[in-house]
Amino acid sequence: NKLNTIDVTAPDAAESALKNLSDLKKAFDELSAINVTDKNYTYISGLADEGAEYMSKALEFYEKAYGQGKFDKGSADLAYQYLERATKRVRVMVTMLHGEVPEDVILH
């Protein structure tokens, strides 16, 4: 929600976005650190770990795209793809915890 409310015309928009993305990365890291002991939900740990890895990459590329005074579109595009992958893991986890399997997910 914080990312969606940033005024992109503000002089500190990039700094605000990077701070919020850093906070989001911390949340993904905390989620990844949760120990899942119930064997019925062990897949959650893997999804959380993947989400944290993707979020880490997203932040890395967003920092490269916006943090050096000159916008780098290629890095921003790559960052967005990693962010999408990270957030998809969370959506899948929530859906599966509700007892459903998303149509676009293949379980091994």
C-alpha atoms as a PDB file:
ATOM      1  CA  ASN A   1       0.000   0.000   0.000  1.00  0.00           C
ATOM      2  CA  LYS A   2       2.818   2.403   0.820  1.00  0.00           C
ATOM      3  CA  LEU A   3       4.347   1.974  -2.626  1.00  0.00           C
ATOM      4  CA  ASN A   4       1.022   2.714  -4.282  1.00  0.00           C
ATOM      5  CA  THR A   5       0.603   5.978  -2.371  1.00  0.00           C
ATOM      6  CA  ILE A   6       3.958   7.526  -3.304  1.00  0.00           C
ATOM      7  CA  ASP A   7       3.627  10.799  -5.179  1.00  0.00           C
ATOM      8  CA  VAL A   8       5.785  10.070  -8.219  1.00  0.00           C
ATOM      9  CA  THR A   9       6.169  13.805  -8.881  1.00  0.00           C
ATOM     10  CA  ALA A  10       7.721  14.431  -5.450  1.00  0.00           C
ATOM     11  CA  PRO A  11      11.456  15.128  -5.421  1.00  0.00           C
ATOM     12  CA  ASP A  12      12.021  12.275  -2.957  1.00  0.00           C
ATOM     13  CA  ALA A  13       9.823   9.738  -4.762  1.00  0.00           C
ATOM     14  CA  ALA A  14      12.716   7.425  -5.656  1.00  0.00           C
ATOM     15  CA  GLU A  15      14.097   7.537  -2.105  1.00  0.00           C
ATOM     16  CA  SER A  16      10.645   6.812  -0.660  1.00  0.00           C
ATOM     17  CA  ALA A  17      10.128   3.917  -3.035  1.00  0.00           C
ATOM     18  CA  LEU A  18      13.524   2.406  -2.219  1.00  0.00           C
ATOM     19  CA  LYS A  19      12.872   2.716   1.522  1.00  0.00           C
ATOM     20  CA  ASN A  20       9.482   1.040   1.165  1.00  0.00           C
ATOM     21  CA  LEU A  21      10.995  -1.699  -0.983  1.00  0.00           C
ATOM     22  CA  SER A  22      13.679  -2.233   1.658  1.00  0.00           C
ATOM     23  CA  ASP A  23      10.951  -2.560   4.302  1.00  0.00           C
ATOM     24  CA  LEU A  24       9.139  -5.048   2.063  1.00  0.00           C
ATOM     25  CA  LYS A  25      12.333  -7.075   1.682  1.00  0.00           C
ATOM     26  CA  LYS A  26      12.623  -7.225   5.484  1.00  0.00           C
ATOM     27  CA  ALA A  27       9.047  -8.546   5.654  1.00  0.00           C
ATOM     28  CA  PHE A  28       9.874 -11.225   3.080  1.00  0.00           C
ATOM     29  CA  ASP A  29      12.978 -12.173   5.078  1.00  0.00           C
ATOM     30  CA  GLU A  30      10.873 -12.483   8.240  1.00  0.00           C
ATOM     31  CA  LEU A  31       8.352 -14.652   6.403  1.00  0.00           C
ATOM     32  CA  SER A  32      11.152 -16.843   5.096  1.00  0.00           C
ATOM     33  CA  ALA A  33      12.546 -17.290   8.618  1.00  0.00           C
ATOM     34  CA  ILE A  34       9.332 -18.826   9.953  1.00  0.00           C
ATOM     35  CA  ASN A  35       9.842 -22.500  10.762  1.00  0.00           C
ATOM     36  CA  VAL A  36       6.991 -24.596   9.359  1.00  0.00           C
ATOM     37  CA  THR A  37       6.791 -27.867  11.248  1.00  0.00           C
ATOM     38  CA  ASP A  38       3.432 -29.186  10.046  1.00  0.00           C
ATOM     39  CA  LYS A  39       4.187 -31.697   7.289  1.00  0.00           C
ATOM     40  CA  ASN A  40       0.981 -30.690   5.501  1.00  0.00           C
ATOM     41  CA  TYR A  41       2.399 -27.210   4.934  1.00  0.00           C
ATOM     42  CA  THR A  42       6.110 -27.798   4.300  1.00  0.00           C
ATOM     43  CA  TYR A  43       5.775 -26.399   0.771  1.00  0.00           C
ATOM     44  CA  ILE A  44       5.196 -22.994   2.406  1.00  0.00           C
ATOM     45  CA  SER A  45       8.833 -22.829   3.506  1.00  0.00           C
ATOM     46  CA  GLY A  46      10.061 -23.271  -0.047  1.00  0.00           C
ATOM     47  CA  LEU A  47       7.692 -20.644  -1.403  1.00  0.00           C
ATOM     48  CA  ALA A  48       8.686 -18.215   1.348  1.00  0.00           C
ATOM     49  CA  ASP A  49      12.379 -18.792   0.649  1.00  0.00           C
ATOM     50  CA  GLU A  50      11.861 -18.241  -3.080  1.00  0.00           C
ATOM     51  CA  GLY A  51       9.843 -15.098  -2.388  1.00  0.00           C
ATOM     52  CA  ALA A  52      12.606 -13.706  -0.171  1.00  0.00           C
ATOM     53  CA  GLU A  53      15.243 -14.441  -2.819  1.00  0.00           C
ATOM     54  CA  TYR A  54      13.188 -12.772  -5.547  1.00  0.00           C
ATOM     55  CA  MET A  55      12.475  -9.766  -3.324  1.00  0.00           C
ATOM     56  CA  SER A  56      16.173  -9.416  -2.587  1.00  0.00           C
ATOM     57  CA  LYS A  57      16.896  -9.365  -6.333  1.00  0.00           C
ATOM     58  CA  ALA A  58      14.049  -6.899  -6.904  1.00  0.00           C
ATOM     59  CA  LEU A  59      15.489  -4.483  -4.361  1.00  0.00           C
ATOM     60  CA  GLU A  60      18.982  -4.894  -5.807  1.00  0.00           C
ATOM     61  CA  PHE A  61      17.797  -3.970  -9.301  1.00  0.00           C
ATOM     62  CA  TYR A  62      15.502  -1.167  -8.103  1.00  0.00           C
ATOM     63  CA  GLU A  63      18.497   0.347  -6.287  1.00  0.00           C
ATOM     64  CA  LYS A  64      20.478   0.084  -9.500  1.00  0.00           C
ATOM     65  CA  ALA A  65      17.612   1.593 -11.515  1.00  0.00           C
ATOM     66  CA  TYR A  66      16.876   4.557  -9.239  1.00  0.00           C
ATOM     67  CA  GLY A  67      19.680   4.884  -6.742  1.00  0.00           C
ATOM     68  CA  GLN A  68      22.436   6.286  -8.905  1.00  0.00           C
ATOM     69  CA  GLY A  69      20.956   9.583  -9.987  1.00  0.00           C
ATOM     70  CA  LYS A  70      20.188   8.365 -13.495  1.00  0.00           C
ATOM     71  CA  PHE A  71      17.244   6.122 -14.352  1.00  0.00           C
ATOM     72  CA  ASP A  72      18.151   2.690 -15.754  1.00  0.00           C
ATOM     73  CA  LYS A  73      15.078   1.284 -17.511  1.00  0.00           C
ATOM     74  CA  GLY A  74      16.571  -2.181 -18.030  1.00  0.00           C
ATOM     75  CA  SER A  75      17.264  -2.571 -14.325  1.00  0.00           C
ATOM     76  CA  ALA A  76      13.796  -1.226 -13.464  1.00  0.00           C
ATOM     77  CA  ASP A  77      12.139  -3.736 -15.797  1.00  0.00           C
ATOM     78  CA  LEU A  78      14.149  -6.601 -14.327  1.00  0.00           C
ATOM     79  CA  ALA A  79      13.381  -5.405 -10.789  1.00  0.00           C
ATOM     80  CA  TYR A  80       9.660  -5.371 -11.561  1.00  0.00           C
ATOM     81  CA  GLN A  81       9.829  -8.951 -12.856  1.00  0.00           C
ATOM     82  CA  TYR A  82      11.525 -10.084  -9.637  1.00  0.00           C
ATOM     83  CA  LEU A  83       8.955  -8.175  -7.567  1.00  0.00           C
ATOM     84  CA  GLU A  84       6.142  -9.906  -9.457  1.00  0.00           C
ATOM     85  CA  ARG A  85       7.723 -13.309  -8.791  1.00  0.00           C
ATOM     86  CA  ALA A  86       8.119 -12.515  -5.090  1.00  0.00           C
ATOM     87  CA  THR A  87       4.562 -11.313  -4.620  1.00  0.00           C
ATOM     88  CA  LYS A  88       3.193 -14.245  -6.597  1.00  0.00           C
ATOM     89  CA  ARG A  89       4.766 -16.586  -4.022  1.00  0.00           C
ATOM     90  CA  VAL A  90       2.873 -14.793  -1.265  1.00  0.00           C
ATOM     91  CA  ARG A  91      -0.407 -14.949  -3.194  1.00  0.00           C
ATOM     92  CA  VAL A  92       0.099 -18.679  -3.792  1.00  0.00           C
ATOM     93  CA  MET A  93       0.898 -19.270  -0.115  1.00  0.00           C
ATOM     94  CA  VAL A  94      -2.230 -17.451   1.042  1.00  0.00           C
ATOM     95  CA  THR A  95      -4.421 -19.270  -1.476  1.00  0.00           C
ATOM     96  CA  MET A  96      -2.994 -22.657  -0.497  1.00  0.00           C
ATOM     97  CA  LEU A  97      -3.401 -21.924   3.211  1.00  0.00           C
ATOM     98  CA  HIS A  98      -7.077 -21.396   2.413  1.00  0.00           C
ATOM     99  CA  GLY A  99      -7.160 -24.938   1.031  1.00  0.00           C
ATOM    100  CA  GLU A 100      -7.101 -24.093  -2.655  1.00  0.00           C
ATOM    101  CA  VAL A 101      -4.509 -24.629  -5.364  1.00  0.00           C
ATOM    102  CA  PRO A 102      -4.234 -21.787  -7.868  1.00  0.00           C
ATOM    103  CA  GLU A 103      -4.820 -22.852 -11.455  1.00  0.00           C
ATOM    104  CA  ASP A 104      -1.433 -21.584 -12.615  1.00  0.00           C
ATOM    105  CA  VAL A 105       0.545 -23.567  -9.998  1.00  0.00           C
ATOM    106  CA  ILE A 106       1.995 -27.024 -10.575  1.00  0.00           C
ATOM    107  CA  LEU A 107       2.810 -29.013  -7.448  1.00  0.00           C
ATOM    108  CA  HIS A 108       5.458 -31.709  -7.605  1.00  0.00           C
END
